[in-house]
């Protein structure tokens, strides 16, 4: 049985977030995979699928952390990009 979780993140810079994390897409481990995509101009969609709940939890921890770090780095870099 496959288990799937889907998260949607709305952000003005969804494309930049996508470009930051898309290189990590694919197999997270032997038992899970992840896919990120854009839905419109302002929404990043994360879909994680796994063969069991512990693998889903582990993959979600990884991907949610990657997205959080991408958001934090954009917040740090954004003032520098405006000058």
PDB file of N, CA and C in Angstrom:
ATOM      1  N   UNK A   1       0.840  -1.185   0.000  1.00  0.00           N
ATOM      2  CA  UNK A   1       0.000   0.000   0.000  1.00  0.00           C
ATOM      3  C   UNK A   1       0.884   1.247   0.000  1.00  0.00           C
ATOM      4  N   UNK A   2       0.596   2.166  -0.885  1.00  0.00           N
ATOM      5  CA  UNK A   2       1.335   3.426  -0.968  1.00  0.00           C
ATOM      6  C   UNK A   2       0.651   4.477  -0.097  1.00  0.00           C
ATOM      7  N   UNK A   3       1.468   5.326   0.503  1.00  0.00           N
ATOM      8  CA  UNK A   3       0.985   6.438   1.313  1.00  0.00           C
ATOM      9  C   UNK A   3       1.492   7.720   0.661  1.00  0.00           C
ATOM     10  N   UNK A   4       0.615   8.726   0.585  1.00  0.00           N
ATOM     11  CA  UNK A   4       0.974   9.972  -0.079  1.00  0.00           C
ATOM     12  C   UNK A   4       0.570  11.162   0.774  1.00  0.00           C
ATOM     13  N   UNK A   5       1.418  12.176   0.775  1.00  0.00           N
ATOM     14  CA  UNK A   5       1.109  13.451   1.429  1.00  0.00           C
ATOM     15  C   UNK A   5       1.365  14.559   0.420  1.00  0.00           C
ATOM     16  N   UNK A   6       0.458  15.525   0.377  1.00  0.00           N
ATOM     17  CA  UNK A   6       0.586  16.647  -0.546  1.00  0.00           C
ATOM     18  C   UNK A   6       0.505  17.942   0.260  1.00  0.00           C
ATOM     19  N   UNK A   7       1.478  18.820   0.047  1.00  0.00           N
ATOM     20  CA  UNK A   7       1.510  20.125   0.692  1.00  0.00           C
ATOM     21  C   UNK A   7       1.534  21.191  -0.384  1.00  0.00           C
ATOM     22  N   UNK A   8       0.839  22.297  -0.125  1.00  0.00           N
ATOM     23  CA  UNK A   8       0.842  23.449  -1.030  1.00  0.00           C
ATOM     24  C   UNK A   8       1.374  24.650  -0.261  1.00  0.00           C
ATOM     25  N   UNK A   9       2.351  25.323  -0.840  1.00  0.00           N
ATOM     26  CA  UNK A   9       2.958  26.499  -0.230  1.00  0.00           C
ATOM     27  C   UNK A   9       2.694  27.688  -1.142  1.00  0.00           C
ATOM     28  N   UNK A  10       2.045  28.702  -0.614  1.00  0.00           N
ATOM     29  CA  UNK A  10       1.783  29.909  -1.380  1.00  0.00           C
ATOM     30  C   UNK A  10       2.843  30.942  -1.036  1.00  0.00           C
ATOM     31  N   UNK A  11       3.502  31.458  -2.062  1.00  0.00           N
ATOM     32  CA  UNK A  11       4.561  32.447  -1.867  1.00  0.00           C
ATOM     33  C   UNK A  11       4.716  33.274  -3.130  1.00  0.00           C
ATOM     34  N   UNK A  12       5.055  34.540  -2.940  1.00  0.00           N
ATOM     35  CA  UNK A  12       5.278  35.408  -4.102  1.00  0.00           C
ATOM     36  C   UNK A  12       6.428  34.904  -4.964  1.00  0.00           C
ATOM     37  N   UNK A  13       7.396  34.260  -4.318  1.00  0.00           N
ATOM     38  CA  UNK A  13       8.577  33.774  -5.037  1.00  0.00           C
ATOM     39  C   UNK A  13       8.571  32.246  -5.164  1.00  0.00           C
ATOM     40  N   UNK A  14       7.408  31.681  -5.445  1.00  0.00           N
ATOM     41  CA  UNK A  14       7.276  30.222  -5.547  1.00  0.00           C
ATOM     42  C   UNK A  14       8.222  29.647  -6.602  1.00  0.00           C
ATOM     43  N   UNK A  15       8.415  30.365  -7.683  1.00  0.00           N
ATOM     44  CA  UNK A  15       9.325  29.874  -8.734  1.00  0.00           C
ATOM     45  C   UNK A  15      10.757  29.782  -8.213  1.00  0.00           C
ATOM     46  N   UNK A  16      11.194  30.768  -7.463  1.00  0.00           N
ATOM     47  CA  UNK A  16      12.546  30.738  -6.891  1.00  0.00           C
ATOM     48  C   UNK A  16      12.677  29.578  -5.909  1.00  0.00           C
ATOM     49  N   UNK A  17      11.643  29.339  -5.120  1.00  0.00           N
ATOM     50  CA  UNK A  17      11.672  28.205  -4.190  1.00  0.00           C
ATOM     51  C   UNK A  17      11.743  26.894  -4.960  1.00  0.00           C
ATOM     52  N   UNK A  18      10.949  26.796  -6.016  1.00  0.00           N
ATOM     53  CA  UNK A  18      10.970  25.594  -6.848  1.00  0.00           C
ATOM     54  C   UNK A  18      12.371  25.338  -7.398  1.00  0.00           C
ATOM     55  N   UNK A  19      12.985  26.368  -7.943  1.00  0.00           N
ATOM     56  CA  UNK A  19      14.325  26.216  -8.516  1.00  0.00           C
ATOM     57  C   UNK A  19      15.359  25.845  -7.455  1.00  0.00           C
ATOM     58  N   UNK A  20      15.115  26.258  -6.224  1.00  0.00           N
ATOM     59  CA  UNK A  20      16.036  25.934  -5.132  1.00  0.00           C
ATOM     60  C   UNK A  20      15.986  24.464  -4.735  1.00  0.00           C
ATOM     61  N   UNK A  21      14.808  23.857  -4.841  1.00  0.00           N
ATOM     62  CA  UNK A  21      14.663  22.484  -4.329  1.00  0.00           C
ATOM     63  C   UNK A  21      14.456  21.423  -5.403  1.00  0.00           C
ATOM     64  N   UNK A  22      14.167  21.812  -6.628  1.00  0.00           N
ATOM     65  CA  UNK A  22      13.815  20.821  -7.657  1.00  0.00           C
ATOM     66  C   UNK A  22      14.952  19.854  -7.974  1.00  0.00           C
ATOM     67  N   UNK A  23      16.182  20.270  -7.747  1.00  0.00           N
ATOM     68  CA  UNK A  23      17.314  19.386  -8.043  1.00  0.00           C
ATOM     69  C   UNK A  23      17.360  18.173  -7.123  1.00  0.00           C
ATOM     70  N   UNK A  24      16.657  18.252  -6.015  1.00  0.00           N
ATOM     71  CA  UNK A  24      16.628  17.142  -5.059  1.00  0.00           C
ATOM     72  C   UNK A  24      15.507  16.145  -5.362  1.00  0.00           C
ATOM     73  N   UNK A  25      14.700  16.450  -6.367  1.00  0.00           N
ATOM     74  CA  UNK A  25      13.535  15.630  -6.673  1.00  0.00           C
ATOM     75  C   UNK A  25      13.923  14.212  -7.070  1.00  0.00           C
ATOM     76  N   UNK A  26      13.038  13.284  -6.788  1.00  0.00           N
ATOM     77  CA  UNK A  26      13.259  11.889  -7.141  1.00  0.00           C
ATOM     78  C   UNK A  26      13.185  11.013  -5.914  1.00  0.00           C
ATOM     79  N   UNK A  27      13.950   9.974  -5.920  1.00  0.00           N
ATOM     80  CA  UNK A  27      13.930   9.051  -4.797  1.00  0.00           C
ATOM     81  C   UNK A  27      14.609   9.676  -3.590  1.00  0.00           C
ATOM     82  N   UNK A  28      13.888   9.681  -2.477  1.00  0.00           N
ATOM     83  CA  UNK A  28      14.436  10.173  -1.221  1.00  0.00           C
ATOM     84  C   UNK A  28      15.180   9.034  -0.541  1.00  0.00           C
ATOM     85  N   UNK A  29      14.712   7.838  -0.761  1.00  0.00           N
ATOM     86  CA  UNK A  29      15.325   6.630  -0.222  1.00  0.00           C
ATOM     87  C   UNK A  29      14.797   5.454  -1.015  1.00  0.00           C
ATOM     88  N   UNK A  30      15.037   4.272  -0.526  1.00  0.00           N
ATOM     89  CA  UNK A  30      14.554   3.080  -1.225  1.00  0.00           C
ATOM     90  C   UNK A  30      13.035   2.960  -1.191  1.00  0.00           C
ATOM     91  N   UNK A  31      12.424   3.553  -0.162  1.00  0.00           N
ATOM     92  CA  UNK A  31      10.989   3.343   0.043  1.00  0.00           C
ATOM     93  C   UNK A  31      10.136   4.569  -0.211  1.00  0.00           C
ATOM     94  N   UNK A  32      10.734   5.665  -0.697  1.00  0.00           N
ATOM     95  CA  UNK A  32       9.941   6.878  -0.890  1.00  0.00           C
ATOM     96  C   UNK A  32      10.444   7.691  -2.079  1.00  0.00           C
ATOM     97  N   UNK A  33       9.567   8.549  -2.580  1.00  0.00           N
ATOM     98  CA  UNK A  33       9.940   9.470  -3.650  1.00  0.00           C
ATOM     99  C   UNK A  33       9.197  10.778  -3.431  1.00  0.00           C
ATOM    100  N   UNK A  34       9.725  11.835  -4.028  1.00  0.00           N
ATOM    101  CA  UNK A  34       9.119  13.155  -3.875  1.00  0.00           C
ATOM    102  C   UNK A  34       9.077  13.855  -5.218  1.00  0.00           C
ATOM    103  N   UNK A  35       8.084  14.707  -5.351  1.00  0.00           N
ATOM    104  CA  UNK A  35       7.916  15.492  -6.567  1.00  0.00           C
ATOM    105  C   UNK A  35       7.515  16.902  -6.158  1.00  0.00           C
ATOM    106  N   UNK A  36       8.148  17.894  -6.731  1.00  0.00           N
ATOM    107  CA  UNK A  36       7.743  19.280  -6.528  1.00  0.00           C
ATOM    108  C   UNK A  36       7.360  19.857  -7.881  1.00  0.00           C
ATOM    109  N   UNK A  37       6.387  20.753  -7.860  1.00  0.00           N
ATOM    110  CA  UNK A  37       5.951  21.391  -9.097  1.00  0.00           C
ATOM    111  C   UNK A  37       5.323  22.733  -8.755  1.00  0.00           C
ATOM    112  N   UNK A  38       5.178  23.550  -9.755  1.00  0.00           N
ATOM    113  CA  UNK A  38       4.506  24.832  -9.590  1.00  0.00           C
ATOM    114  C   UNK A  38       3.054  24.688 -10.007  1.00  0.00           C
ATOM    115  N   UNK A  39       2.178  25.319  -9.250  1.00  0.00           N
ATOM    116  CA  UNK A  39       0.762  25.398  -9.598  1.00  0.00           C
ATOM    117  C   UNK A  39       0.437  26.886  -9.691  1.00  0.00           C
ATOM    118  N   UNK A  40       0.461  27.401 -10.882  1.00  0.00           N
ATOM    119  CA  UNK A  40       0.291  28.842 -11.046  1.00  0.00           C
ATOM    120  C   UNK A  40       1.591  29.566 -10.739  1.00  0.00           C
ATOM    121  N   UNK A  41       1.480  30.871 -10.570  1.00  0.00           N
ATOM    122  CA  UNK A  41       2.670  31.684 -10.338  1.00  0.00           C
ATOM    123  C   UNK A  41       3.098  31.731  -8.883  1.00  0.00           C
ATOM    124  N   UNK A  42       2.186  31.398  -7.975  1.00  0.00           N
ATOM    125  CA  UNK A  42       2.493  31.636  -6.568  1.00  0.00           C
ATOM    126  C   UNK A  42       2.332  30.418  -5.660  1.00  0.00           C
ATOM    127  N   UNK A  43       2.296  29.214  -6.228  1.00  0.00           N
ATOM    128  CA  UNK A  43       2.099  28.024  -5.397  1.00  0.00           C
ATOM    129  C   UNK A  43       3.096  26.932  -5.757  1.00  0.00           C
ATOM    130  N   UNK A  44       3.791  26.475  -4.736  1.00  0.00           N
ATOM    131  CA  UNK A  44       4.702  25.336  -4.845  1.00  0.00           C
ATOM    132  C   UNK A  44       3.984  24.128  -4.258  1.00  0.00           C
ATOM    133  N   UNK A  45       3.954  23.028  -5.002  1.00  0.00           N
ATOM    134  CA  UNK A  45       3.282  21.810  -4.547  1.00  0.00           C
ATOM    135  C   UNK A  45       4.333  20.737  -4.300  1.00  0.00           C
ATOM    136  N   UNK A  46       4.275  20.152  -3.119  1.00  0.00           N
ATOM    137  CA  UNK A  46       5.152  19.044  -2.743  1.00  0.00           C
ATOM    138  C   UNK A  46       4.296  17.799  -2.591  1.00  0.00           C
ATOM    139  N   UNK A  47       4.660  16.727  -3.300  1.00  0.00           N
ATOM    140  CA  UNK A  47       3.961  15.446  -3.189  1.00  0.00           C
ATOM    141  C   UNK A  47       4.988  14.368  -2.852  1.00  0.00           C
ATOM    142  N   UNK A  48       4.797  13.752  -1.707  1.00  0.00           N
ATOM    143  CA  UNK A  48       5.706  12.704  -1.243  1.00  0.00           C
ATOM    144  C   UNK A  48       4.925  11.402  -1.164  1.00  0.00           C
ATOM    145  N   UNK A  49       5.484  10.337  -1.730  1.00  0.00           N
ATOM    146  CA  UNK A  49       4.872   9.013  -1.717  1.00  0.00           C
ATOM    147  C   UNK A  49       5.857   8.028  -1.106  1.00  0.00           C
ATOM    148  N   UNK A  50       5.320   7.122  -0.284  1.00  0.00           N
ATOM    149  CA  UNK A  50       6.188   6.139   0.371  1.00  0.00           C
ATOM    150  C   UNK A  50       5.450   4.822   0.533  1.00  0.00           C
ATOM    151  N   UNK A  51       6.237   3.776   0.712  1.00  0.00           N
ATOM    152  CA  UNK A  51       5.663   2.439   0.850  1.00  0.00           C
ATOM    153  C   UNK A  51       5.140   2.168   2.252  1.00  0.00           C
ATOM    154  N   UNK A  52       5.571   2.965   3.242  1.00  0.00           N
ATOM    155  CA  UNK A  52       5.087   2.781   4.614  1.00  0.00           C
ATOM    156  C   UNK A  52       5.136   4.121   5.346  1.00  0.00           C
ATOM    157  N   UNK A  53       4.457   4.181   6.475  1.00  0.00           N
ATOM    158  CA  UNK A  53       4.338   5.429   7.225  1.00  0.00           C
ATOM    159  C   UNK A  53       5.690   5.946   7.738  1.00  0.00           C
ATOM    160  N   UNK A  54       6.555   5.105   8.316  1.00  0.00           N
ATOM    161  CA  UNK A  54       7.856   5.633   8.759  1.00  0.00           C
ATOM    162  C   UNK A  54       8.674   6.239   7.611  1.00  0.00           C
ATOM    163  N   UNK A  55       8.624   5.635   6.439  1.00  0.00           N
ATOM    164  CA  UNK A  55       9.342   6.183   5.283  1.00  0.00           C
ATOM    165  C   UNK A  55       8.724   7.507   4.849  1.00  0.00           C
ATOM    166  N   UNK A  56       7.404   7.608   4.915  1.00  0.00           N
ATOM    167  CA  UNK A  56       6.724   8.860   4.578  1.00  0.00           C
ATOM    168  C   UNK A  56       7.142   9.957   5.550  1.00  0.00           C
ATOM    169  N   UNK A  57       7.164   9.647   6.833  1.00  0.00           N
ATOM    170  CA  UNK A  57       7.575  10.615   7.851  1.00  0.00           C
ATOM    171  C   UNK A  57       9.001  11.096   7.597  1.00  0.00           C
ATOM    172  N   UNK A  58       9.903  10.166   7.332  1.00  0.00           N
ATOM    173  CA  UNK A  58      11.303  10.526   7.099  1.00  0.00           C
ATOM    174  C   UNK A  58      11.451  11.402   5.854  1.00  0.00           C
ATOM    175  N   UNK A  59      10.768  11.042   4.789  1.00  0.00           N
ATOM    176  CA  UNK A  59      10.848  11.827   3.554  1.00  0.00           C
ATOM    177  C   UNK A  59      10.248  13.217   3.752  1.00  0.00           C
ATOM    178  N   UNK A  60       9.132  13.294   4.470  1.00  0.00           N
ATOM    179  CA  UNK A  60       8.532  14.600   4.741  1.00  0.00           C
ATOM    180  C   UNK A  60       9.455  15.465   5.580  1.00  0.00           C
ATOM    181  N   UNK A  61      10.099  14.874   6.574  1.00  0.00           N
ATOM    182  CA  UNK A  61      11.068  15.638   7.371  1.00  0.00           C
ATOM    183  C   UNK A  61      12.134  16.244   6.468  1.00  0.00           C
ATOM    184  N   UNK A  62      12.654  15.451   5.553  1.00  0.00           N
ATOM    185  CA  UNK A  62      13.691  15.926   4.637  1.00  0.00           C
ATOM    186  C   UNK A  62      13.174  17.059   3.763  1.00  0.00           C
ATOM    187  N   UNK A  63      12.042  16.851   3.109  1.00  0.00           N
ATOM    188  CA  UNK A  63      11.539  17.830   2.152  1.00  0.00           C
ATOM    189  C   UNK A  63      11.027  19.094   2.808  1.00  0.00           C
ATOM    190  N   UNK A  64      10.358  18.966   3.936  1.00  0.00           N
ATOM    191  CA  UNK A  64       9.885  20.168   4.623  1.00  0.00           C
ATOM    192  C   UNK A  64      11.069  20.992   5.129  1.00  0.00           C
ATOM    193  N   UNK A  65      12.122  20.317   5.549  1.00  0.00           N
ATOM    194  CA  UNK A  65      13.334  21.033   5.963  1.00  0.00           C
ATOM    195  C   UNK A  65      13.980  21.733   4.764  1.00  0.00           C
ATOM    196  N   UNK A  66      14.069  21.058   3.613  1.00  0.00           N
ATOM    197  CA  UNK A  66      14.640  21.683   2.412  1.00  0.00           C
ATOM    198  C   UNK A  66      13.871  22.945   2.019  1.00  0.00           C
ATOM    199  N   UNK A  67      12.555  22.865   2.061  1.00  0.00           N
ATOM    200  CA  UNK A  67      11.738  24.022   1.691  1.00  0.00           C
ATOM    201  C   UNK A  67      11.884  25.133   2.724  1.00  0.00           C
ATOM    202  N   UNK A  68      11.910  24.779   3.998  1.00  0.00           N
ATOM    203  CA  UNK A  68      12.107  25.779   5.053  1.00  0.00           C
ATOM    204  C   UNK A  68      13.433  26.503   4.873  1.00  0.00           C
ATOM    205  N   UNK A  69      14.485  25.762   4.597  1.00  0.00           N
ATOM    206  CA  UNK A  69      15.805  26.376   4.390  1.00  0.00           C
ATOM    207  C   UNK A  69      15.786  27.281   3.160  1.00  0.00           C
ATOM    208  N   UNK A  70      15.126  26.858   2.092  1.00  0.00           N
ATOM    209  CA  UNK A  70      15.034  27.694   0.890  1.00  0.00           C
ATOM    210  C   UNK A  70      14.314  29.008   1.200  1.00  0.00           C
ATOM    211  N   UNK A  71      13.239  28.940   1.974  1.00  0.00           N
ATOM    212  CA  UNK A  71      12.507  30.152   2.366  1.00  0.00           C
ATOM    213  C   UNK A  71      13.406  31.058   3.205  1.00  0.00           C
ATOM    214  N   UNK A  72      14.094  30.479   4.180  1.00  0.00           N
ATOM    215  CA  UNK A  72      14.974  31.270   5.046  1.00  0.00           C
ATOM    216  C   UNK A  72      16.102  31.924   4.252  1.00  0.00           C
ATOM    217  N   UNK A  73      16.673  31.208   3.316  1.00  0.00           N
ATOM    218  CA  UNK A  73      17.753  31.775   2.511  1.00  0.00           C
ATOM    219  C   UNK A  73      17.243  32.897   1.616  1.00  0.00           C
ATOM    220  N   UNK A  74      16.037  32.763   1.095  1.00  0.00           N
ATOM    221  CA  UNK A  74      15.452  33.838   0.280  1.00  0.00           C
ATOM    222  C   UNK A  74      15.240  35.085   1.136  1.00  0.00           C
ATOM    223  N   UNK A  75      14.812  34.896   2.387  1.00  0.00           N
ATOM    224  CA  UNK A  75      14.608  36.040   3.281  1.00  0.00           C
ATOM    225  C   UNK A  75      15.931  36.740   3.582  1.00  0.00           C
ATOM    226  N   UNK A  76      16.994  35.974   3.727  1.00  0.00           N
ATOM    227  CA  UNK A  76      18.312  36.559   3.988  1.00  0.00           C
ATOM    228  C   UNK A  76      18.844  37.251   2.737  1.00  0.00           C
ATOM    229  N   UNK A  77      18.679  36.626   1.587  1.00  0.00           N
ATOM    230  CA  UNK A  77      19.238  37.152   0.341  1.00  0.00           C
ATOM    231  C   UNK A  77      18.407  38.278  -0.257  1.00  0.00           C
ATOM    232  N   UNK A  78      17.118  38.307   0.007  1.00  0.00           N
ATOM    233  CA  UNK A  78      16.234  39.284  -0.633  1.00  0.00           C
ATOM    234  C   UNK A  78      16.683  40.726  -0.426  1.00  0.00           C
ATOM    235  N   UNK A  79      17.051  41.157   0.789  1.00  0.00           N
ATOM    236  CA  UNK A  79      17.508  42.550   0.931  1.00  0.00           C
ATOM    237  C   UNK A  79      18.754  42.835   0.089  1.00  0.00           C
ATOM    238  N   UNK A  80      19.652  41.897  -0.007  1.00  0.00           N
ATOM    239  CA  UNK A  80      20.870  42.089  -0.799  1.00  0.00           C
ATOM    240  C   UNK A  80      20.550  42.171  -2.288  1.00  0.00           C
ATOM    241  N   UNK A  81      19.530  41.455  -2.731  1.00  0.00           N
ATOM    242  CA  UNK A  81      19.160  41.468  -4.147  1.00  0.00           C
ATOM    243  C   UNK A  81      18.491  42.777  -4.548  1.00  0.00           C
ATOM    244  N   UNK A  82      17.909  43.477  -3.586  1.00  0.00           N
ATOM    245  CA  UNK A  82      17.203  44.727  -3.880  1.00  0.00           C
ATOM    246  C   UNK A  82      18.139  45.921  -4.004  1.00  0.00           C
ATOM    247  N   UNK A  83      19.355  45.811  -3.479  1.00  0.00           N
ATOM    248  CA  UNK A  83      20.266  46.970  -3.498  1.00  0.00           C
ATOM    249  C   UNK A  83      21.078  47.025  -4.758  1.00  0.00           C
TER     250      UNK A  83
END
